[in-house]
């Protein structure tokens, strides 16, 4: 399945280190945040979820930290 435009943009944001995952500590739900602060918009959240399901990005868990970075895992996974 080909990537749609939103997926490509989200993958680029992950490659650039702009998206992190709030780990859901202290009872809060896991969610995506911009590394500089603020919530990722719903369209990008959906795109990142699709990328995770396809195995193109993964969460690099940092135990005890409130956020963990997303990293590319698929072909051409090195940071741009």
N, C-alpha and C. Protein backbone atom coordinates (compact mmCIF):
# COMPACT_ATOMS: atom_id res chain seq x y z
N UNK A 1 0.84 -1.18 0.00
CA UNK A 1 0.00 0.00 0.00
C UNK A 1 0.89 1.24 0.00
N UNK A 2 0.58 2.17 -0.88
CA UNK A 2 1.37 3.39 -1.00
C UNK A 2 1.05 4.35 0.15
N UNK A 3 2.00 5.20 0.45
CA UNK A 3 1.79 6.22 1.47
C UNK A 3 1.01 7.38 0.87
N UNK A 4 0.04 7.89 1.61
CA UNK A 4 -0.68 9.09 1.19
C UNK A 4 0.12 10.31 1.65
N UNK A 5 -0.25 11.47 1.14
CA UNK A 5 0.50 12.70 1.43
C UNK A 5 0.67 12.94 2.93
N UNK A 6 -0.39 12.71 3.71
CA UNK A 6 -0.30 12.94 5.15
C UNK A 6 0.71 11.99 5.80
N UNK A 7 0.78 10.75 5.30
CA UNK A 7 1.75 9.79 5.83
C UNK A 7 3.17 10.23 5.54
N UNK A 8 3.40 10.71 4.34
CA UNK A 8 4.74 11.18 3.95
C UNK A 8 5.16 12.35 4.82
N UNK A 9 4.25 13.29 5.04
CA UNK A 9 4.56 14.45 5.89
C UNK A 9 4.84 14.02 7.33
N UNK A 10 4.03 13.09 7.84
CA UNK A 10 4.23 12.61 9.21
C UNK A 10 5.56 11.87 9.33
N UNK A 11 5.90 11.05 8.33
CA UNK A 11 7.17 10.32 8.35
C UNK A 11 8.34 11.29 8.35
N UNK A 12 8.25 12.34 7.57
CA UNK A 12 9.31 13.34 7.55
C UNK A 12 9.44 14.03 8.91
N UNK A 13 8.31 14.33 9.55
CA UNK A 13 8.36 14.94 10.88
C UNK A 13 9.02 14.00 11.89
N UNK A 14 8.74 12.70 11.78
CA UNK A 14 9.39 11.71 12.66
C UNK A 14 10.89 11.69 12.37
N UNK A 15 11.26 11.64 11.12
CA UNK A 15 12.70 11.62 10.75
C UNK A 15 13.43 12.84 11.28
N UNK A 16 12.75 13.97 11.33
CA UNK A 16 13.36 15.21 11.81
C UNK A 16 13.33 15.31 13.34
N UNK A 17 12.75 14.33 14.02
CA UNK A 17 12.70 14.34 15.48
C UNK A 17 11.67 15.28 16.06
N UNK A 18 10.65 15.61 15.29
CA UNK A 18 9.66 16.58 15.75
C UNK A 18 8.51 15.98 16.55
N UNK A 19 8.33 14.66 16.47
CA UNK A 19 7.19 14.02 17.12
C UNK A 19 7.68 13.09 18.23
N UNK A 20 7.09 13.25 19.42
CA UNK A 20 7.39 12.37 20.55
C UNK A 20 6.07 11.79 21.05
N UNK A 21 6.17 10.76 21.88
CA UNK A 21 5.00 10.13 22.46
C UNK A 21 4.99 10.40 23.96
N UNK A 22 3.87 10.95 24.43
CA UNK A 22 3.68 11.07 25.88
C UNK A 22 3.38 9.66 26.35
N UNK A 23 4.15 9.16 27.29
CA UNK A 23 4.10 7.75 27.69
C UNK A 23 2.90 7.35 28.52
N UNK A 24 2.03 8.25 28.83
CA UNK A 24 0.85 7.89 29.60
C UNK A 24 1.14 7.68 31.08
N UNK A 25 2.17 8.34 31.59
CA UNK A 25 2.48 8.23 33.02
C UNK A 25 1.39 8.89 33.85
N UNK A 26 1.25 8.46 35.05
CA UNK A 26 0.31 9.02 36.02
C UNK A 26 -1.13 8.97 35.49
N UNK A 27 -1.47 7.87 34.82
CA UNK A 27 -2.84 7.66 34.40
C UNK A 27 -3.28 8.37 33.13
N UNK A 28 -2.45 9.21 32.56
CA UNK A 28 -2.83 9.90 31.32
C UNK A 28 -2.68 8.94 30.14
N UNK A 29 -3.48 9.16 29.12
CA UNK A 29 -3.41 8.32 27.92
C UNK A 29 -2.19 8.67 27.08
N UNK A 30 -1.67 7.67 26.38
CA UNK A 30 -0.56 7.91 25.45
C UNK A 30 -1.06 8.85 24.35
N UNK A 31 -0.24 9.83 23.98
CA UNK A 31 -0.59 10.74 22.89
C UNK A 31 0.68 11.26 22.23
N UNK A 32 0.53 11.81 21.03
CA UNK A 32 1.66 12.38 20.31
C UNK A 32 1.77 13.87 20.60
N UNK A 33 3.00 14.30 20.82
CA UNK A 33 3.28 15.71 21.08
C UNK A 33 4.38 16.17 20.14
N UNK A 34 4.42 17.47 19.87
CA UNK A 34 5.57 18.03 19.15
C UNK A 34 6.73 18.09 20.13
N UNK A 35 7.92 17.82 19.67
CA UNK A 35 9.09 17.85 20.56
C UNK A 35 9.30 19.23 21.16
N UNK A 36 8.84 20.27 20.48
CA UNK A 36 8.96 21.63 21.00
C UNK A 36 7.80 22.06 21.87
N UNK A 37 6.80 21.18 22.03
CA UNK A 37 5.64 21.48 22.87
C UNK A 37 4.35 21.54 22.07
N UNK A 38 3.28 21.14 22.68
CA UNK A 38 1.96 21.16 22.05
C UNK A 38 1.59 19.81 21.47
N UNK A 39 0.28 19.61 21.30
CA UNK A 39 -0.25 18.36 20.76
C UNK A 39 -0.15 18.34 19.24
N UNK A 40 0.13 17.16 18.72
CA UNK A 40 0.12 16.93 17.28
C UNK A 40 -1.34 16.96 16.82
N UNK A 41 -1.65 17.60 15.66
CA UNK A 41 -3.03 17.66 15.21
C UNK A 41 -3.59 16.29 14.84
N UNK A 42 -4.92 16.15 14.86
CA UNK A 42 -5.54 14.85 14.61
C UNK A 42 -5.13 14.19 13.30
N UNK A 43 -5.00 14.95 12.20
CA UNK A 43 -4.64 14.32 10.93
C UNK A 43 -3.26 13.69 11.01
N UNK A 44 -2.33 14.33 11.72
CA UNK A 44 -0.98 13.77 11.82
C UNK A 44 -0.97 12.61 12.81
N UNK A 45 -1.78 12.69 13.86
CA UNK A 45 -1.91 11.58 14.79
C UNK A 45 -2.36 10.33 14.05
N UNK A 46 -3.36 10.48 13.19
CA UNK A 46 -3.87 9.35 12.40
C UNK A 46 -2.79 8.81 11.46
N UNK A 47 -2.03 9.71 10.85
CA UNK A 47 -0.96 9.30 9.94
C UNK A 47 0.13 8.54 10.70
N UNK A 48 0.51 9.03 11.88
CA UNK A 48 1.54 8.35 12.67
C UNK A 48 1.04 6.97 13.11
N UNK A 49 -0.22 6.88 13.49
CA UNK A 49 -0.79 5.58 13.84
C UNK A 49 -0.68 4.60 12.66
N UNK A 50 -1.00 5.08 11.45
CA UNK A 50 -0.88 4.21 10.26
C UNK A 50 0.56 3.78 10.05
N UNK A 51 1.51 4.71 10.22
CA UNK A 51 2.93 4.38 10.05
C UNK A 51 3.37 3.35 11.08
N UNK A 52 2.90 3.47 12.32
CA UNK A 52 3.25 2.50 13.36
C UNK A 52 2.68 1.13 13.03
N UNK A 53 1.42 1.07 12.59
CA UNK A 53 0.81 -0.21 12.23
C UNK A 53 1.56 -0.89 11.09
N UNK A 54 2.09 -0.11 10.17
CA UNK A 54 2.82 -0.66 9.03
C UNK A 54 4.28 -0.96 9.36
N UNK A 55 4.72 -0.64 10.57
CA UNK A 55 6.08 -0.92 10.99
C UNK A 55 7.11 0.05 10.45
N UNK A 56 6.67 1.23 10.03
CA UNK A 56 7.59 2.22 9.46
C UNK A 56 8.17 3.15 10.51
N UNK A 57 7.50 3.26 11.66
CA UNK A 57 8.04 4.02 12.79
C UNK A 57 7.75 3.24 14.06
N UNK A 58 8.55 3.48 15.08
CA UNK A 58 8.37 2.82 16.37
C UNK A 58 8.72 3.81 17.47
N UNK A 59 8.23 3.53 18.66
CA UNK A 59 8.54 4.34 19.82
C UNK A 59 9.82 3.82 20.45
N UNK A 60 10.78 4.70 20.64
CA UNK A 60 12.03 4.35 21.34
C UNK A 60 11.79 4.65 22.82
N UNK A 61 11.24 3.69 23.53
CA UNK A 61 10.84 3.88 24.93
C UNK A 61 12.01 4.30 25.80
N UNK A 62 11.75 5.29 26.63
CA UNK A 62 12.71 5.75 27.63
C UNK A 62 12.06 5.57 28.99
N UNK A 63 12.37 4.48 29.67
CA UNK A 63 11.73 4.19 30.96
C UNK A 63 11.89 5.37 31.93
N UNK A 64 10.79 5.72 32.57
CA UNK A 64 10.81 6.78 33.57
C UNK A 64 10.68 8.18 33.00
N UNK A 65 10.84 8.34 31.70
CA UNK A 65 10.73 9.67 31.09
C UNK A 65 9.27 9.91 30.69
N UNK A 66 8.82 11.15 30.76
CA UNK A 66 7.43 11.43 30.39
C UNK A 66 7.17 11.29 28.89
N UNK A 67 8.20 11.45 28.07
CA UNK A 67 8.04 11.30 26.62
C UNK A 67 9.14 10.42 26.05
N UNK A 68 8.82 9.79 24.93
CA UNK A 68 9.80 8.98 24.20
C UNK A 68 9.74 9.38 22.73
N UNK A 69 10.88 9.38 22.06
CA UNK A 69 10.88 9.77 20.65
C UNK A 69 10.32 8.66 19.76
N UNK A 70 9.79 9.07 18.63
CA UNK A 70 9.43 8.14 17.57
C UNK A 70 10.63 8.07 16.63
N UNK A 71 10.91 6.88 16.13
CA UNK A 71 12.03 6.72 15.21
C UNK A 71 11.57 5.94 13.99
N UNK A 72 12.12 6.28 12.81
CA UNK A 72 11.79 5.51 11.61
C UNK A 72 12.42 4.13 11.69
N UNK A 73 11.72 3.12 11.19
CA UNK A 73 12.22 1.74 11.25
C UNK A 73 12.22 1.04 9.91
N UNK A 74 11.54 1.62 8.93
CA UNK A 74 11.41 0.97 7.63
C UNK A 74 12.59 1.24 6.73
N UNK A 75 12.44 0.88 5.43
CA UNK A 75 13.51 1.14 4.45
C UNK A 75 13.88 2.62 4.43
N UNK A 76 15.16 2.89 4.36
CA UNK A 76 15.61 4.28 4.36
C UNK A 76 15.37 4.96 5.68
N UNK A 77 15.46 4.21 6.78
CA UNK A 77 15.09 4.72 8.09
C UNK A 77 16.06 5.74 8.67
N UNK A 78 17.20 5.92 8.12
CA UNK A 78 18.14 6.88 8.71
C UNK A 78 17.56 8.28 8.68
N UNK A 79 17.92 9.06 9.67
CA UNK A 79 17.40 10.44 9.78
C UNK A 79 17.82 11.25 8.59
N UNK A 80 16.92 12.12 8.14
CA UNK A 80 17.20 12.98 6.99
C UNK A 80 18.02 14.18 7.41
